[in-house]
Amino acid sequence: MLFLVRFTDQPNSSGLRKEKLKEHLAWLKKHKSQIPAAGSLREDDDSAPIGGCWVVEAESKEAVDSLIQTDPFCMAGLREKIEILHWSLAFGNNELPEMA
């Protein structure tokens, strides 16, 4: 199953994010088979990150949550809110679906 995970960071946590970023990126690389896409979210292109978003492949929401709990950002208390949503992929690889 595919899931979309949206993270909202704690207010005023840019220092913690910077401190744990290298460790977090290494963790994402280690889990790239389960998390094929991930990145930070910002209100404007040049503003500081306020959270993040991942595409996750897992068997259940519980498996996604267990994975998230091992992320250095989560373990450090960076995340204020975590949303785990089932995601139905309509198309991928920059290809639009065929229209009838």
N, C-alpha and C. Protein backbone atom coordinates (compact mmCIF):
# COMPACT_ATOMS: atom_id res chain seq x y z
N MET A 1 0.84 -1.18 0.00
CA MET A 1 0.00 0.00 0.00
C MET A 1 0.88 1.24 0.00
N LEU A 2 0.33 2.29 -0.57
CA LEU A 2 1.02 3.57 -0.56
C LEU A 2 0.38 4.51 0.46
N PHE A 3 1.23 5.29 1.11
CA PHE A 3 0.79 6.27 2.08
C PHE A 3 1.48 7.59 1.79
N LEU A 4 0.80 8.66 2.13
CA LEU A 4 1.39 9.99 2.12
C LEU A 4 1.46 10.43 3.57
N VAL A 5 2.65 10.83 3.99
CA VAL A 5 2.83 11.27 5.38
C VAL A 5 3.19 12.75 5.35
N ARG A 6 2.42 13.54 6.10
CA ARG A 6 2.69 14.98 6.19
C ARG A 6 3.08 15.29 7.63
N PHE A 7 4.22 15.96 7.75
CA PHE A 7 4.76 16.33 9.05
C PHE A 7 4.68 17.84 9.23
N THR A 8 4.32 18.26 10.42
CA THR A 8 4.39 19.67 10.81
C THR A 8 5.40 19.75 11.95
N ASP A 9 6.39 20.64 11.80
CA ASP A 9 7.42 20.78 12.81
C ASP A 9 6.93 21.61 14.00
N GLN A 10 7.58 21.42 15.13
CA GLN A 10 7.34 22.24 16.31
C GLN A 10 7.68 23.69 15.96
N PRO A 11 6.97 24.66 16.53
CA PRO A 11 7.32 26.06 16.30
C PRO A 11 8.75 26.34 16.79
N ASN A 12 9.42 27.25 16.11
CA ASN A 12 10.76 27.70 16.50
C ASN A 12 11.75 26.55 16.66
N SER A 13 11.71 25.59 15.72
CA SER A 13 12.56 24.41 15.84
C SER A 13 13.62 24.33 14.73
N SER A 14 13.91 25.44 14.07
CA SER A 14 14.87 25.40 12.97
C SER A 14 16.26 24.96 13.44
N GLY A 15 16.66 25.32 14.65
CA GLY A 15 17.95 24.90 15.18
C GLY A 15 18.04 23.39 15.35
N LEU A 16 16.97 22.79 15.87
CA LEU A 16 16.91 21.34 16.04
C LEU A 16 16.94 20.65 14.68
N ARG A 17 16.20 21.19 13.72
CA ARG A 17 16.17 20.64 12.36
C ARG A 17 17.58 20.63 11.77
N LYS A 18 18.29 21.75 11.89
CA LYS A 18 19.65 21.85 11.35
C LYS A 18 20.59 20.87 12.04
N GLU A 19 20.43 20.75 13.35
CA GLU A 19 21.29 19.86 14.14
C GLU A 19 21.13 18.40 13.72
N LYS A 20 19.92 17.97 13.40
CA LYS A 20 19.63 16.57 13.10
C LYS A 20 19.54 16.26 11.60
N LEU A 21 19.72 17.27 10.74
CA LEU A 21 19.49 17.08 9.31
C LEU A 21 20.38 16.00 8.69
N LYS A 22 21.67 16.02 8.97
CA LYS A 22 22.58 15.04 8.37
C LYS A 22 22.19 13.62 8.77
N GLU A 23 21.87 13.44 10.04
CA GLU A 23 21.45 12.13 10.54
C GLU A 23 20.12 11.69 9.90
N HIS A 24 19.20 12.64 9.76
CA HIS A 24 17.90 12.37 9.14
C HIS A 24 18.07 11.95 7.69
N LEU A 25 18.91 12.67 6.94
CA LEU A 25 19.13 12.34 5.52
C LEU A 25 19.78 10.97 5.36
N ALA A 26 20.71 10.63 6.23
CA ALA A 26 21.32 9.29 6.19
C ALA A 26 20.28 8.22 6.48
N TRP A 27 19.38 8.51 7.42
CA TRP A 27 18.30 7.57 7.75
C TRP A 27 17.37 7.39 6.55
N LEU A 28 17.00 8.49 5.87
CA LEU A 28 16.15 8.39 4.68
C LEU A 28 16.82 7.54 3.60
N LYS A 29 18.11 7.75 3.39
CA LYS A 29 18.84 6.97 2.39
C LYS A 29 18.78 5.48 2.73
N LYS A 30 18.93 5.16 4.00
CA LYS A 30 18.87 3.77 4.46
C LYS A 30 17.50 3.14 4.20
N HIS A 31 16.45 3.96 4.21
CA HIS A 31 15.08 3.47 4.06
C HIS A 31 14.46 3.83 2.71
N LYS A 32 15.30 4.09 1.69
CA LYS A 32 14.77 4.54 0.40
C LYS A 32 13.90 3.52 -0.31
N SER A 33 14.00 2.25 0.02
CA SER A 33 13.12 1.26 -0.61
C SER A 33 11.69 1.40 -0.08
N GLN A 34 11.53 1.89 1.14
CA GLN A 34 10.21 2.11 1.72
C GLN A 34 9.73 3.54 1.53
N ILE A 35 10.67 4.48 1.40
CA ILE A 35 10.34 5.90 1.26
C ILE A 35 10.98 6.40 -0.04
N PRO A 36 10.30 6.18 -1.18
CA PRO A 36 10.91 6.57 -2.46
C PRO A 36 10.92 8.07 -2.73
N ALA A 37 10.14 8.83 -1.98
CA ALA A 37 10.10 10.28 -2.17
C ALA A 37 9.90 10.95 -0.82
N ALA A 38 10.71 11.99 -0.57
CA ALA A 38 10.61 12.73 0.70
C ALA A 38 11.18 14.11 0.49
N GLY A 39 10.67 15.07 1.26
CA GLY A 39 11.22 16.42 1.19
C GLY A 39 10.57 17.35 2.19
N SER A 40 11.19 18.51 2.33
CA SER A 40 10.67 19.49 3.28
C SER A 40 9.55 20.30 2.64
N LEU A 41 8.72 20.89 3.49
CA LEU A 41 7.63 21.77 3.06
C LEU A 41 7.92 23.18 3.57
N ARG A 42 7.65 24.16 2.73
CA ARG A 42 7.90 25.56 3.05
C ARG A 42 6.72 26.41 2.57
N GLU A 43 6.48 27.50 3.26
CA GLU A 43 5.40 28.40 2.83
C GLU A 43 5.79 29.16 1.57
N ASP A 44 7.06 29.50 1.43
CA ASP A 44 7.58 30.16 0.24
C ASP A 44 8.86 29.46 -0.17
N ASP A 45 9.24 29.62 -1.42
CA ASP A 45 10.41 28.94 -1.96
C ASP A 45 11.67 29.20 -1.15
N ASP A 46 11.83 30.41 -0.64
CA ASP A 46 13.06 30.76 0.07
C ASP A 46 12.89 30.82 1.59
N SER A 47 11.78 30.32 2.11
CA SER A 47 11.57 30.36 3.56
C SER A 47 12.06 29.07 4.22
N ALA A 48 12.17 29.10 5.53
CA ALA A 48 12.63 27.94 6.30
C ALA A 48 11.58 26.82 6.25
N PRO A 49 12.01 25.57 6.32
CA PRO A 49 11.06 24.46 6.35
C PRO A 49 10.14 24.53 7.57
N ILE A 50 8.89 24.16 7.36
CA ILE A 50 7.90 24.10 8.44
C ILE A 50 7.42 22.68 8.68
N GLY A 51 7.94 21.75 7.89
CA GLY A 51 7.54 20.35 8.00
C GLY A 51 8.09 19.56 6.83
N GLY A 52 7.42 18.45 6.54
CA GLY A 52 7.89 17.60 5.46
C GLY A 52 6.79 16.72 4.95
N CYS A 53 7.10 16.00 3.88
CA CYS A 53 6.14 15.10 3.24
C CYS A 53 6.90 13.90 2.69
N TRP A 54 6.36 12.71 2.91
CA TRP A 54 6.95 11.49 2.38
C TRP A 54 5.90 10.69 1.64
N VAL A 55 6.34 9.94 0.64
CA VAL A 55 5.56 8.84 0.07
C VAL A 55 6.17 7.58 0.66
N VAL A 56 5.33 6.74 1.25
CA VAL A 56 5.81 5.53 1.93
C VAL A 56 5.08 4.32 1.38
N GLU A 57 5.84 3.26 1.14
CA GLU A 57 5.24 1.98 0.77
C GLU A 57 5.35 1.06 1.98
N ALA A 58 4.18 0.60 2.46
CA ALA A 58 4.14 -0.26 3.65
C ALA A 58 2.87 -1.09 3.64
N GLU A 59 2.82 -2.07 4.53
CA GLU A 59 1.66 -2.96 4.59
C GLU A 59 0.49 -2.38 5.37
N SER A 60 0.77 -1.40 6.25
CA SER A 60 -0.30 -0.85 7.08
C SER A 60 0.11 0.51 7.64
N LYS A 61 -0.88 1.25 8.15
CA LYS A 61 -0.59 2.51 8.83
C LYS A 61 0.30 2.28 10.05
N GLU A 62 0.07 1.17 10.73
CA GLU A 62 0.87 0.86 11.90
C GLU A 62 2.34 0.66 11.53
N ALA A 63 2.60 0.03 10.38
CA ALA A 63 3.97 -0.16 9.92
C ALA A 63 4.62 1.19 9.57
N VAL A 64 3.83 2.10 8.99
CA VAL A 64 4.33 3.44 8.68
C VAL A 64 4.67 4.16 9.98
N ASP A 65 3.78 4.09 10.95
CA ASP A 65 4.02 4.75 12.23
C ASP A 65 5.27 4.19 12.92
N SER A 66 5.45 2.89 12.88
CA SER A 66 6.64 2.27 13.48
C SER A 66 7.91 2.77 12.81
N LEU A 67 7.87 2.90 11.49
CA LEU A 67 9.02 3.41 10.74
C LEU A 67 9.32 4.85 11.13
N ILE A 68 8.28 5.67 11.19
CA ILE A 68 8.44 7.09 11.54
C ILE A 68 9.11 7.25 12.90
N GLN A 69 8.74 6.41 13.84
CA GLN A 69 9.27 6.53 15.21
C GLN A 69 10.78 6.32 15.28
N THR A 70 11.39 5.74 14.23
CA THR A 70 12.84 5.52 14.22
C THR A 70 13.59 6.65 13.50
N ASP A 71 12.86 7.60 12.92
CA ASP A 71 13.48 8.73 12.23
C ASP A 71 14.13 9.68 13.24
N PRO A 72 15.37 10.08 13.01
CA PRO A 72 16.04 10.98 13.95
C PRO A 72 15.28 12.28 14.22
N PHE A 73 14.58 12.82 13.24
CA PHE A 73 13.78 14.03 13.48
C PHE A 73 12.69 13.74 14.51
N CYS A 74 12.02 12.62 14.35
CA CYS A 74 10.94 12.26 15.28
C CYS A 74 11.52 11.96 16.67
N MET A 75 12.60 11.21 16.71
CA MET A 75 13.20 10.84 17.99
C MET A 75 13.70 12.07 18.76
N ALA A 76 14.07 13.13 18.04
CA ALA A 76 14.56 14.35 18.68
C ALA A 76 13.43 15.29 19.11
N GLY A 77 12.18 14.95 18.75
CA GLY A 77 11.04 15.77 19.14
C GLY A 77 10.74 16.92 18.19
N LEU A 78 11.25 16.85 16.95
CA LEU A 78 11.01 17.92 15.99
C LEU A 78 9.55 18.00 15.55
N ARG A 79 8.90 16.87 15.44
CA ARG A 79 7.56 16.83 14.86
C ARG A 79 6.47 17.22 15.86
N GLU A 80 5.65 18.19 15.46
CA GLU A 80 4.50 18.58 16.27
C GLU A 80 3.27 17.75 15.89
N LYS A 81 3.13 17.50 14.59
CA LYS A 81 1.96 16.77 14.08
C LYS A 81 2.40 15.85 12.96
N ILE A 82 1.83 14.64 12.95
CA ILE A 82 2.10 13.67 11.90
C ILE A 82 0.78 13.15 11.38
N GLU A 83 0.57 13.26 10.07
CA GLU A 83 -0.63 12.72 9.42
C GLU A 83 -0.21 11.58 8.50
N ILE A 84 -0.81 10.42 8.69
CA ILE A 84 -0.54 9.26 7.83
C ILE A 84 -1.83 9.00 7.05
N LEU A 85 -1.76 9.20 5.74
CA LEU A 85 -2.93 9.09 4.88
C LEU A 85 -2.74 8.01 3.83
N HIS A 86 -3.77 7.21 3.59
CA HIS A 86 -3.72 6.26 2.47
C HIS A 86 -3.69 7.08 1.18
N TRP A 87 -2.87 6.63 0.22
CA TRP A 87 -2.72 7.38 -1.02
C TRP A 87 -3.00 6.47 -2.20
N SER A 88 -3.89 6.89 -3.07
CA SER A 88 -4.21 6.17 -4.30
C SER A 88 -3.49 6.85 -5.44
N LEU A 89 -2.46 6.21 -5.95
CA LEU A 89 -1.67 6.77 -7.04
C LEU A 89 -2.48 6.73 -8.33
N ALA A 90 -2.73 7.89 -8.93
CA ALA A 90 -3.47 7.96 -10.19
C ALA A 90 -2.53 7.77 -11.37
N PHE A 91 -1.33 8.34 -11.29
CA PHE A 91 -0.31 8.16 -12.32
C PHE A 91 1.03 8.50 -11.73
N GLY A 92 2.08 8.07 -12.40
CA GLY A 92 3.42 8.33 -11.90
C GLY A 92 4.41 8.45 -13.04
N ASN A 93 5.66 8.70 -12.70
CA ASN A 93 6.73 8.83 -13.69
C ASN A 93 6.41 9.87 -14.76
N ASN A 94 5.77 10.96 -14.32
CA ASN A 94 5.45 12.07 -15.22
C ASN A 94 4.54 11.67 -16.39
N GLU A 95 3.80 10.60 -16.24
CA GLU A 95 2.88 10.17 -17.29
C GLU A 95 1.45 10.42 -16.82
N LEU A 96 0.68 11.09 -17.66
CA LEU A 96 -0.73 11.32 -17.36
C LEU A 96 -1.52 10.05 -17.68
N PRO A 97 -2.58 9.78 -16.93
CA PRO A 97 -3.39 8.59 -17.23
C PRO A 97 -4.12 8.77 -18.56
N GLU A 98 -4.41 7.65 -19.19
CA GLU A 98 -5.17 7.69 -20.45
C GLU A 98 -6.62 8.05 -20.14
N MET A 99 -7.16 8.94 -20.95
CA MET A 99 -8.55 9.36 -20.78
C MET A 99 -9.43 8.63 -21.78
N ALA A 100 -10.57 8.14 -21.31
CA ALA A 100 -11.49 7.40 -22.20
C ALA A 100 -12.32 8.35 -23.03
